Amino acid sequence: MSHSLNGTQANCEIIVVTYNTPELDEKCFKSIKANTEFPYILTVIDNYQKKENLAKVWNETIEKSESDYICLLNPDTEVEEGWLTKLIETMEAGPKIRITGPSTNCCGSPQSSLTYQQAYKQPKAIIVDVLLSGFCMVFHRLTWKEFGGFDESYPLYGQDTDFVAKVLLKGYNTAWRIDCWVK
């Protein structure tokens, strides 16, 4: 399967930051390998020894990336077939969509809808003016650059929420791909 953006081969760098959870990591990596058709590069950073600020790890990794898209994915997740293709298709649906995320059963955001089973039957994305959860999010690398990356002043959590909020405050959209499932 070939995807293009502005006539060139589009790809995505999937960034997974691990923290001494080998069993969960292995499930995540197996699901990525089995269920990802869209061209991708998997970058795994073991943060157990260094215990660096997550925003710093993300920023350093994205700075080195040459991919069109970036996907931040938690190591305790498992992806379904076609997940990345669906998220990228959503990103390409309109120039104002800057961040997209899937449905899930593991977060407290609107993406964890109890009506997921009904929504899943009708493939679609919805524009949301809420903060998507950072457990799995896809965005253009250029969006990261435009907004100056992730704020490294957050000690543990919140840098993803801050990034999404900045994007929304500038008048861009986030999209929830309800027929895409990442647990």
C-alpha atoms as a PDB file:
ATOM      1  CA  MET A   1       0.000   0.000   0.000  1.00  0.00           C
ATOM      2  CA  SER A   2       1.436   3.360  -0.981  1.00  0.00           C
ATOM      3  CA  HIS A   3       0.401   6.704   0.408  1.00  0.00           C
ATOM      4  CA  SER A   4       1.601  10.073  -0.704  1.00  0.00           C
ATOM      5  CA  LEU A   5       1.554  13.584   0.576  1.00  0.00           C
ATOM      6  CA  ASN A   6       2.132  16.319  -1.986  1.00  0.00           C
ATOM      7  CA  GLY A   7       3.379  13.723  -4.486  1.00  0.00           C
ATOM      8  CA  THR A   8       6.026  12.179  -2.217  1.00  0.00           C
ATOM      9  CA  GLN A   9       6.029   8.992  -0.189  1.00  0.00           C
ATOM     10  CA  ALA A  10       4.419   9.777   3.150  1.00  0.00           C
ATOM     11  CA  ASN A  11       5.481   7.904   6.235  1.00  0.00           C
ATOM     12  CA  CYS A  12       5.035   7.954   9.955  1.00  0.00           C
ATOM     13  CA  GLU A  13       7.461   7.566  12.817  1.00  0.00           C
ATOM     14  CA  ILE A  14       5.832   5.676  15.666  1.00  0.00           C
ATOM     15  CA  ILE A  15       7.519   6.651  18.927  1.00  0.00           C
ATOM     16  CA  VAL A  16       7.134   4.337  21.910  1.00  0.00           C
ATOM     17  CA  VAL A  17       8.844   5.280  25.169  1.00  0.00           C
ATOM     18  CA  THR A  18       9.189   2.221  27.384  1.00  0.00           C
ATOM     19  CA  TYR A  19       9.731   2.045  31.122  1.00  0.00           C
ATOM     20  CA  ASN A  20      10.614  -1.482  32.293  1.00  0.00           C
ATOM     21  CA  THR A  21       7.403  -3.198  31.191  1.00  0.00           C
ATOM     22  CA  PRO A  22       8.734  -5.908  28.821  1.00  0.00           C
ATOM     23  CA  GLU A  23       5.544  -8.001  28.694  1.00  0.00           C
ATOM     24  CA  LEU A  24       3.390  -5.003  27.762  1.00  0.00           C
ATOM     25  CA  ASP A  25       6.015  -3.709  25.343  1.00  0.00           C
ATOM     26  CA  GLU A  26       6.124  -7.038  23.506  1.00  0.00           C
ATOM     27  CA  LYS A  27       2.325  -7.089  23.070  1.00  0.00           C
ATOM     28  CA  CYS A  28       2.431  -3.525  21.750  1.00  0.00           C
ATOM     29  CA  PHE A  29       5.237  -4.238  19.267  1.00  0.00           C
ATOM     30  CA  LYS A  30       3.598  -7.445  18.012  1.00  0.00           C
ATOM     31  CA  SER A  31       0.318  -5.620  17.425  1.00  0.00           C
ATOM     32  CA  ILE A  32       2.111  -2.855  15.497  1.00  0.00           C
ATOM     33  CA  LYS A  33       3.924  -5.357  13.297  1.00  0.00           C
ATOM     34  CA  ALA A  34       0.779  -7.401  12.623  1.00  0.00           C
ATOM     35  CA  ASN A  35      -1.652  -4.530  12.075  1.00  0.00           C
ATOM     36  CA  THR A  36       0.202  -1.663  10.402  1.00  0.00           C
ATOM     37  CA  GLU A  37       0.146  -1.290   6.620  1.00  0.00           C
ATOM     38  CA  PHE A  38       0.977   2.402   6.314  1.00  0.00           C
ATOM     39  CA  PRO A  39       4.742   2.983   5.831  1.00  0.00           C
ATOM     40  CA  TYR A  40       6.265   3.509   9.267  1.00  0.00           C
ATOM     41  CA  ILE A  41       9.435   3.633  11.276  1.00  0.00           C
ATOM     42  CA  LEU A  42       9.221   2.282  14.821  1.00  0.00           C
ATOM     43  CA  THR A  43      11.418   4.111  17.308  1.00  0.00           C
ATOM     44  CA  VAL A  44      11.614   2.633  20.794  1.00  0.00           C
ATOM     45  CA  ILE A  45      13.262   4.565  23.591  1.00  0.00           C
ATOM     46  CA  ASP A  46      13.971   2.767  26.867  1.00  0.00           C
ATOM     47  CA  ASN A  47      13.580   5.470  29.480  1.00  0.00           C
ATOM     48  CA  TYR A  48      13.940   3.208  32.533  1.00  0.00           C
ATOM     49  CA  GLN A  49      17.615   3.907  33.204  1.00  0.00           C
ATOM     50  CA  LYS A  50      17.701   7.599  32.293  1.00  0.00           C
ATOM     51  CA  LYS A  51      14.275   8.546  33.650  1.00  0.00           C
ATOM     52  CA  GLU A  52      14.291  11.638  31.454  1.00  0.00           C
ATOM     53  CA  ASN A  53      11.416  14.051  31.120  1.00  0.00           C
ATOM     54  CA  LEU A  54       8.973  12.540  28.606  1.00  0.00           C
ATOM     55  CA  ALA A  55       8.567  15.820  26.698  1.00  0.00           C
ATOM     56  CA  LYS A  56      12.351  16.037  26.342  1.00  0.00           C
ATOM     57  CA  VAL A  57      12.533  12.463  25.019  1.00  0.00           C
ATOM     58  CA  TRP A  58       9.756  13.176  22.519  1.00  0.00           C
ATOM     59  CA  ASN A  59      11.281  16.496  21.412  1.00  0.00           C
ATOM     60  CA  GLU A  60      14.745  15.011  20.877  1.00  0.00           C
ATOM     61  CA  THR A  61      13.337  12.089  18.901  1.00  0.00           C
ATOM     62  CA  ILE A  62      11.007  14.199  16.746  1.00  0.00           C
ATOM     63  CA  GLU A  63      13.790  16.700  16.055  1.00  0.00           C
ATOM     64  CA  LYS A  64      15.792  13.879  14.405  1.00  0.00           C
ATOM     65  CA  SER A  65      12.816  12.487  12.488  1.00  0.00           C
ATOM     66  CA  GLU A  66      12.447  12.839   8.735  1.00  0.00           C
ATOM     67  CA  SER A  67       8.911  11.417   8.661  1.00  0.00           C
ATOM     68  CA  ASP A  68       5.869  13.385   7.538  1.00  0.00           C
ATOM     69  CA  TYR A  69       3.812  12.197  10.492  1.00  0.00           C
ATOM     70  CA  ILE A  70       4.560  11.432  14.106  1.00  0.00           C
ATOM     71  CA  CYS A  71       2.607   8.939  16.199  1.00  0.00           C
ATOM     72  CA  LEU A  72       3.092   8.916  19.947  1.00  0.00           C
ATOM     73  CA  LEU A  73       1.996   5.545  21.284  1.00  0.00           C
ATOM     74  CA  ASN A  74       2.031   4.314  24.866  1.00  0.00           C
ATOM     75  CA  PRO A  75       3.769   0.958  25.393  1.00  0.00           C
ATOM     76  CA  ASP A  76       0.768  -0.500  27.233  1.00  0.00           C
ATOM     77  CA  THR A  77      -1.442  -0.349  24.126  1.00  0.00           C
ATOM     78  CA  GLU A  78      -2.386  -2.790  21.388  1.00  0.00           C
ATOM     79  CA  VAL A  79      -3.459  -1.583  17.951  1.00  0.00           C
ATOM     80  CA  GLU A  80      -6.052  -3.049  15.579  1.00  0.00           C
ATOM     81  CA  GLU A  81      -5.762  -3.801  11.887  1.00  0.00           C
ATOM     82  CA  GLY A  82      -5.505  -0.683   9.725  1.00  0.00           C
ATOM     83  CA  TRP A  83      -5.230   1.667  12.699  1.00  0.00           C
ATOM     84  CA  LEU A  84      -2.469   3.904  11.360  1.00  0.00           C
ATOM     85  CA  THR A  85      -3.960   4.081   7.855  1.00  0.00           C
ATOM     86  CA  LYS A  86      -7.252   5.295   9.359  1.00  0.00           C
ATOM     87  CA  LEU A  87      -5.522   7.925  11.487  1.00  0.00           C
ATOM     88  CA  ILE A  88      -3.438   9.216   8.567  1.00  0.00           C
ATOM     89  CA  GLU A  89      -6.501   9.299   6.273  1.00  0.00           C
ATOM     90  CA  THR A  90      -8.169  11.464   8.883  1.00  0.00           C
ATOM     91  CA  MET A  91      -5.168  13.803   8.985  1.00  0.00           C
ATOM     92  CA  GLU A  92      -5.313  14.161   5.195  1.00  0.00           C
ATOM     93  CA  ALA A  93      -9.067  14.911   5.229  1.00  0.00           C
ATOM     94  CA  GLY A  94      -8.580  18.623   5.758  1.00  0.00           C
ATOM     95  CA  PRO A  95      -5.871  21.230   6.304  1.00  0.00           C
ATOM     96  CA  LYS A  96      -7.302  22.382   9.636  1.00  0.00           C
ATOM     97  CA  ILE A  97      -6.996  18.907  11.198  1.00  0.00           C
ATOM     98  CA  ARG A  98      -3.706  18.917  13.036  1.00  0.00           C
ATOM     99  CA  ILE A  99      -4.014  16.036  15.523  1.00  0.00           C
ATOM    100  CA  THR A 100      -6.022  12.830  15.435  1.00  0.00           C
ATOM    101  CA  GLY A 101      -6.580   9.964  17.813  1.00  0.00           C
ATOM    102  CA  PRO A 102      -8.441   6.647  17.994  1.00  0.00           C
ATOM    103  CA  SER A 103     -11.182   5.208  20.171  1.00  0.00           C
ATOM    104  CA  THR A 104     -10.121   3.318  23.271  1.00  0.00           C
ATOM    105  CA  ASN A 105     -11.189   1.674  26.463  1.00  0.00           C
ATOM    106  CA  CYS A 106      -8.256   2.986  28.483  1.00  0.00           C
ATOM    107  CA  CYS A 107      -8.517   6.731  29.017  1.00  0.00           C
ATOM    108  CA  GLY A 108     -10.799   9.295  30.582  1.00  0.00           C
ATOM    109  CA  SER A 109     -11.223  11.452  27.476  1.00  0.00           C
ATOM    110  CA  PRO A 110     -14.235  11.458  25.126  1.00  0.00           C
ATOM    111  CA  GLN A 111     -12.341   8.896  23.033  1.00  0.00           C
ATOM    112  CA  SER A 112     -13.372   6.310  25.625  1.00  0.00           C
ATOM    113  CA  SER A 113     -17.014   6.487  24.669  1.00  0.00           C
ATOM    114  CA  LEU A 114     -19.443   3.916  26.009  1.00  0.00           C
ATOM    115  CA  THR A 115     -21.251   4.131  22.675  1.00  0.00           C
ATOM    116  CA  TYR A 116     -18.138   2.939  20.834  1.00  0.00           C
ATOM    117  CA  GLN A 117     -19.709  -0.341  19.734  1.00  0.00           C
ATOM    118  CA  GLN A 118     -22.501   1.550  17.942  1.00  0.00           C
ATOM    119  CA  ALA A 119     -20.161   4.143  16.484  1.00  0.00           C
ATOM    120  CA  TYR A 120     -17.723   1.502  15.273  1.00  0.00           C
ATOM    121  CA  LYS A 121     -20.259   0.177  12.805  1.00  0.00           C
ATOM    122  CA  GLN A 122     -20.136   3.469  10.882  1.00  0.00           C
ATOM    123  CA  PRO A 123     -16.557   4.345   9.874  1.00  0.00           C
ATOM    124  CA  LYS A 124     -16.012   8.043  10.311  1.00  0.00           C
ATOM    125  CA  ALA A 125     -14.041  10.695  12.039  1.00  0.00           C
ATOM    126  CA  ILE A 126     -15.498  13.528  14.013  1.00  0.00           C
ATOM    127  CA  ILE A 127     -13.995  16.915  14.627  1.00  0.00           C
ATOM    128  CA  VAL A 128     -13.745  17.535  18.343  1.00  0.00           C
ATOM    129  CA  ASP A 129     -12.880  20.677  20.209  1.00  0.00           C
ATOM    130  CA  VAL A 130     -11.622  18.746  23.188  1.00  0.00           C
ATOM    131  CA  LEU A 131      -8.253  17.594  24.332  1.00  0.00           C
ATOM    132  CA  LEU A 132      -7.436  14.242  22.785  1.00  0.00           C
ATOM    133  CA  SER A 133      -5.581  11.799  24.996  1.00  0.00           C
ATOM    134  CA  GLY A 134      -1.874  11.371  24.367  1.00  0.00           C
ATOM    135  CA  PHE A 135      -1.956   7.569  24.772  1.00  0.00           C
ATOM    136  CA  CYS A 136      -2.051   7.488  20.946  1.00  0.00           C
ATOM    137  CA  MET A 137      -1.985  10.595  18.797  1.00  0.00           C
ATOM    138  CA  VAL A 138      -0.883  11.357  15.264  1.00  0.00           C
ATOM    139  CA  PHE A 139       0.190  14.770  14.012  1.00  0.00           C
ATOM    140  CA  HIS A 140       2.265  16.332  11.249  1.00  0.00           C
ATOM    141  CA  ARG A 141       5.906  16.768  12.193  1.00  0.00           C
ATOM    142  CA  LEU A 142       5.584  20.326  10.867  1.00  0.00           C
ATOM    143  CA  THR A 143       2.792  20.980  13.388  1.00  0.00           C
ATOM    144  CA  TRP A 144       5.172  19.966  16.166  1.00  0.00           C
ATOM    145  CA  LYS A 145       7.731  22.378  14.743  1.00  0.00           C
ATOM    146  CA  GLU A 146       5.186  25.192  14.300  1.00  0.00           C
ATOM    147  CA  PHE A 147       4.163  24.985  17.954  1.00  0.00           C
ATOM    148  CA  GLY A 148       7.681  24.678  19.317  1.00  0.00           C
ATOM    149  CA  GLY A 149       7.459  21.065  20.409  1.00  0.00           C
ATOM    150  CA  PHE A 150       6.346  19.784  23.780  1.00  0.00           C
ATOM    151  CA  ASP A 151       6.740  21.923  26.890  1.00  0.00           C
ATOM    152  CA  GLU A 152       9.513  20.310  28.921  1.00  0.00           C
ATOM    153  CA  SER A 153       8.499  22.047  32.154  1.00  0.00           C
ATOM    154  CA  TYR A 154       5.916  19.332  32.850  1.00  0.00           C
ATOM    155  CA  PRO A 155       7.593  16.830  35.200  1.00  0.00           C
ATOM    156  CA  LEU A 156       5.523  13.710  34.413  1.00  0.00           C
ATOM    157  CA  TYR A 157       2.219  14.301  32.637  1.00  0.00           C
ATOM    158  CA  GLY A 158       0.397  17.123  30.902  1.00  0.00           C
ATOM    159  CA  GLN A 159       2.771  17.938  28.047  1.00  0.00           C
ATOM    160  CA  ASP A 160       0.503  16.186  25.533  1.00  0.00           C
ATOM    161  CA  THR A 161      -2.580  18.040  26.825  1.00  0.00           C
ATOM    162  CA  ASP A 162      -0.693  21.335  26.657  1.00  0.00           C
ATOM    163  CA  PHE A 163       0.353  20.644  23.050  1.00  0.00           C
ATOM    164  CA  VAL A 164      -3.217  19.802  21.980  1.00  0.00           C
ATOM    165  CA  ALA A 165      -4.529  22.919  23.762  1.00  0.00           C
ATOM    166  CA  LYS A 166      -2.071  25.150  21.884  1.00  0.00           C
ATOM    167  CA  VAL A 167      -3.216  23.679  18.577  1.00  0.00           C
ATOM    168  CA  LEU A 168      -6.893  24.226  19.437  1.00  0.00           C
ATOM    169  CA  LEU A 169      -6.295  27.785  20.665  1.00  0.00           C
ATOM    170  CA  LYS A 170      -4.791  28.686  17.268  1.00  0.00           C
ATOM    171  CA  GLY A 171      -8.038  27.682  15.570  1.00  0.00           C
ATOM    172  CA  TYR A 172      -6.985  24.276  14.268  1.00  0.00           C
ATOM    173  CA  ASN A 173      -8.961  21.076  14.793  1.00  0.00           C
ATOM    174  CA  THR A 174      -8.443  17.741  16.432  1.00  0.00           C
ATOM    175  CA  ALA A 175     -10.233  14.677  15.096  1.00  0.00           C
ATOM    176  CA  TRP A 176     -11.385  11.504  16.762  1.00  0.00           C
ATOM    177  CA  ARG A 177     -11.393   8.519  14.405  1.00  0.00           C
ATOM    178  CA  ILE A 178     -14.192   6.572  16.063  1.00  0.00           C
ATOM    179  CA  ASP A 179     -13.819   3.461  13.892  1.00  0.00           C
ATOM    180  CA  CYS A 180     -10.170   3.075  14.860  1.00  0.00           C
ATOM    181  CA  TRP A 181      -9.527   1.106  18.034  1.00  0.00           C
ATOM    182  CA  VAL A 182      -6.411   1.093  20.194  1.00  0.00           C
ATOM    183  CA  LYS A 183      -6.744  -0.631  23.535  1.00  0.00           C
END
